[in-house]
Structure formats: structure tokens, C-alpha cells
Amino acid sequence: MAVDNKTKCYLLVHEPPGFCLKKAHRNWSGHPSWIGAMEALDDYHRWVSQVVMPVAFQWIEEHRDEVYSSVKDPEKNDVGVVIASAFKLVKKMPAYKEGLKNAKPFNKAVKDGTFNSKIHNPVWTKIVKKVRIETKKAFAEETPPL
């Protein structure tokens, strides 16, 4: 089946050659935190590109007519325009509205210290704790105190 790229926006789930930052900076070439941050941002970028965006584009495909109805022909292959059109629709849907409604008590609970963080993102929480501990430990072992 031929695809007219100017009328259909498809997500290519891959990383083009040379786009990865892993090991782009040699261990000796910069501050460890800077190198770690660049590589962590690259990990995050790949997660968004290869996990989150496919979910978004599956939803867009399931709502293709509605999403593309407000997109001009020359912009139908522009990911940003297509996502913006989809987001306009999502903002009108119940789950998004519920999220906005629930944000107020959530923010209040975080601010006043009553938020129970133990039930939210336990795996990511565990990873963050390990990364923080090991980063602090590595600096403590290898550098003089300031």
C-alpha cells in the first residue's frame, strides 16, 4: 500500500543512526554530572520517542478523522501540528478534565505534607533513590570535600 506522506503522519519507531548520546562523550571529557545528565536526557528522549509517542499515535490513528479535520493539508505530516490537534481533542475528554479537577487536592496534599508518595511510581522511586545514593557515594569516594 502506498502512503502519501503529505496526508498521513506516521510515527517511525526507531532511532536514526548517530542520534544516540550514549558514549558520545568520553568519560574523561567533562564533569561526570554533565555527562550523566546528557545520557539520562537521551534515555528519557528514547522512552518518549519509542514508548509514549507510539501510544499517542495509536490514539491518533483511532481518532484520525477528528484529529485531522482541523489540520491543513501542508501540515498533515508535521508531528507537532498533529499532536497539537489531538491535544485540543483530549482536553475536552473526561480523563483530562478529571485530571485537572484532581490536581487541586493533589497539590494541596503535597504542599501540606499529607500526600502519600509510597503508592505513586514505586519502581521509578526506587530507581531514583539508587541513582542518588550511588552518585553521592561515587563523588564522596573520588573527590576531596569542598
Protein backbone atom coordinates (compact mmCIF):
# COMPACT_ATOMS: atom_id res chain seq x y z
CA MET A 1 0.00 0.00 0.00
CA ALA A 2 1.44 3.36 -0.98
CA VAL A 3 1.46 6.02 1.70
CA ASP A 4 1.13 9.69 0.79
CA ASN A 5 3.33 11.29 3.45
CA LYS A 6 1.68 14.65 2.95
CA THR A 7 -1.74 13.37 4.02
CA LYS A 8 -0.82 10.84 6.69
CA CYS A 9 1.52 11.33 9.62
CA TYR A 10 3.09 8.07 10.78
CA LEU A 11 5.49 7.68 13.64
CA LEU A 12 8.72 5.90 12.74
CA VAL A 13 9.62 3.95 15.87
CA HIS A 14 13.38 3.88 15.61
CA GLU A 15 16.43 5.91 16.37
CA PRO A 16 18.25 7.18 13.28
CA PRO A 17 21.97 6.36 13.17
CA GLY A 18 24.10 8.83 15.08
CA PHE A 19 21.25 10.21 17.20
CA CYS A 20 22.12 8.42 20.43
CA LEU A 21 24.17 10.29 23.05
CA LYS A 22 25.30 7.16 24.89
CA LYS A 23 29.08 7.19 24.95
CA ALA A 24 29.14 10.28 22.71
CA HIS A 25 31.15 11.99 25.42
CA ARG A 26 34.21 10.17 26.68
CA ASN A 27 34.46 9.51 30.41
CA TRP A 28 37.32 11.99 30.73
CA SER A 29 35.78 14.74 28.59
CA GLY A 30 33.58 16.57 31.07
CA HIS A 31 32.07 16.79 34.51
CA PRO A 32 30.52 13.44 35.48
CA SER A 33 27.18 15.06 36.32
CA TRP A 34 27.03 16.77 32.92
CA ILE A 35 27.81 13.54 31.07
CA GLY A 36 25.30 11.65 33.23
CA ALA A 37 22.66 14.32 32.63
CA MET A 38 23.13 14.20 28.84
CA GLU A 39 22.88 10.42 28.83
CA ALA A 40 19.86 10.49 31.15
CA LEU A 41 18.14 13.01 28.87
CA ASP A 42 18.90 10.71 25.96
CA ASP A 43 17.30 7.79 27.84
CA TYR A 44 14.25 9.95 28.53
CA HIS A 45 14.09 11.05 24.89
CA ARG A 46 14.17 7.43 23.71
CA TRP A 47 11.43 6.50 26.20
CA VAL A 48 9.21 9.32 24.91
CA SER A 49 10.01 8.59 21.26
CA GLN A 50 9.78 4.82 21.39
CA VAL A 51 7.15 4.23 24.10
CA VAL A 52 4.99 7.31 24.76
CA MET A 53 4.72 8.53 21.15
CA PRO A 54 3.59 5.15 19.79
CA VAL A 55 0.78 5.21 22.36
CA ALA A 56 -0.15 8.74 21.30
CA PHE A 57 -0.06 7.85 17.61
CA GLN A 58 -2.17 4.75 18.15
CA TRP A 59 -4.78 7.00 19.77
CA ILE A 60 -4.46 9.47 16.88
CA GLU A 61 -4.95 6.63 14.40
CA GLU A 62 -8.10 5.57 16.25
CA HIS A 63 -9.38 9.18 16.07
CA ARG A 64 -7.85 10.03 12.67
CA ASP A 65 -10.82 11.84 11.09
CA GLU A 66 -11.43 14.00 14.14
CA VAL A 67 -7.73 14.81 14.68
CA TYR A 68 -7.01 15.66 11.04
CA SER A 69 -10.20 17.66 10.46
CA SER A 70 -8.52 20.84 11.76
CA VAL A 71 -5.08 20.21 10.19
CA LYS A 72 -4.27 21.98 6.92
CA ASP A 73 -3.05 19.78 4.06
CA PRO A 74 0.55 21.08 4.05
CA GLU A 75 0.80 20.37 7.81
CA LYS A 76 -0.63 16.83 7.85
CA ASN A 77 2.88 15.37 8.07
CA ASP A 78 4.01 17.71 10.86
CA VAL A 79 4.17 15.78 14.13
CA GLY A 80 3.87 18.92 16.27
CA VAL A 81 0.76 20.13 14.45
CA VAL A 82 -0.88 16.69 14.57
CA ILE A 83 -0.13 16.28 18.30
CA ALA A 84 -1.46 19.80 18.98
CA SER A 85 -4.69 18.95 17.15
CA ALA A 86 -5.02 15.70 19.12
CA PHE A 87 -4.35 17.55 22.39
CA LYS A 88 -7.18 20.01 21.66
CA LEU A 89 -9.49 17.00 21.50
CA VAL A 90 -8.02 15.30 24.58
CA LYS A 91 -8.56 18.47 26.66
CA LYS A 92 -12.30 18.07 26.07
CA MET A 93 -12.38 14.44 27.26
CA PRO A 94 -13.39 13.15 30.70
CA ALA A 95 -10.00 11.74 31.79
CA TYR A 96 -8.23 15.05 31.13
CA LYS A 97 -10.94 17.02 32.91
CA GLU A 98 -10.79 14.61 35.84
CA GLY A 99 -7.01 15.11 35.98
CA LEU A 100 -7.45 18.88 36.15
CA LYS A 101 -10.04 18.50 38.90
CA ASN A 102 -7.83 16.14 40.91
CA ALA A 103 -4.76 18.37 40.57
CA LYS A 104 -6.02 20.84 43.18
CA PRO A 105 -6.35 18.40 46.10
CA PHE A 106 -3.16 16.63 44.98
CA ASN A 107 -1.16 19.87 45.03
CA LYS A 108 -2.65 20.79 48.40
CA ALA A 109 -1.70 17.39 49.86
CA VAL A 110 1.87 17.72 48.55
CA LYS A 111 2.14 21.24 49.94
CA ASP A 112 0.74 20.42 53.39
CA GLY A 113 2.64 17.13 53.71
CA THR A 114 -0.34 14.76 53.69
CA PHE A 115 0.38 13.23 50.27
CA ASN A 116 1.22 9.52 50.48
CA SER A 117 4.01 9.16 47.93
CA LYS A 118 4.59 5.47 48.71
CA ILE A 119 1.80 4.38 46.37
CA HIS A 120 2.88 6.51 43.38
CA ASN A 121 5.51 5.28 40.92
CA PRO A 122 7.21 2.83 43.30
CA VAL A 123 9.59 1.45 40.64
CA TRP A 124 10.74 4.87 39.47
CA THR A 125 11.06 5.97 43.11
CA LYS A 126 13.33 3.00 43.84
CA ILE A 127 15.49 3.78 40.80
CA VAL A 128 15.80 7.48 41.70
CA LYS A 129 16.87 6.61 45.24
CA LYS A 130 19.54 4.21 43.96
CA VAL A 131 20.86 6.71 41.41
CA ARG A 132 21.07 9.48 44.01
CA ILE A 133 22.80 7.26 46.58
CA GLU A 134 25.32 5.85 44.11
CA THR A 135 26.07 9.29 42.61
CA LYS A 136 26.69 10.79 46.03
CA LYS A 137 28.79 7.78 47.03
CA ALA A 138 30.92 7.96 43.86
CA PHE A 139 31.66 11.67 44.36
CA ALA A 140 32.41 11.15 48.06
CA GLU A 141 34.86 8.36 47.27
CA GLU A 142 36.65 10.11 44.43
CA THR A 143 36.75 13.82 45.19
CA PRO A 144 38.02 15.89 48.11
CA PRO A 145 35.36 17.65 50.19
CA LEU A 146 34.59 21.22 49.16
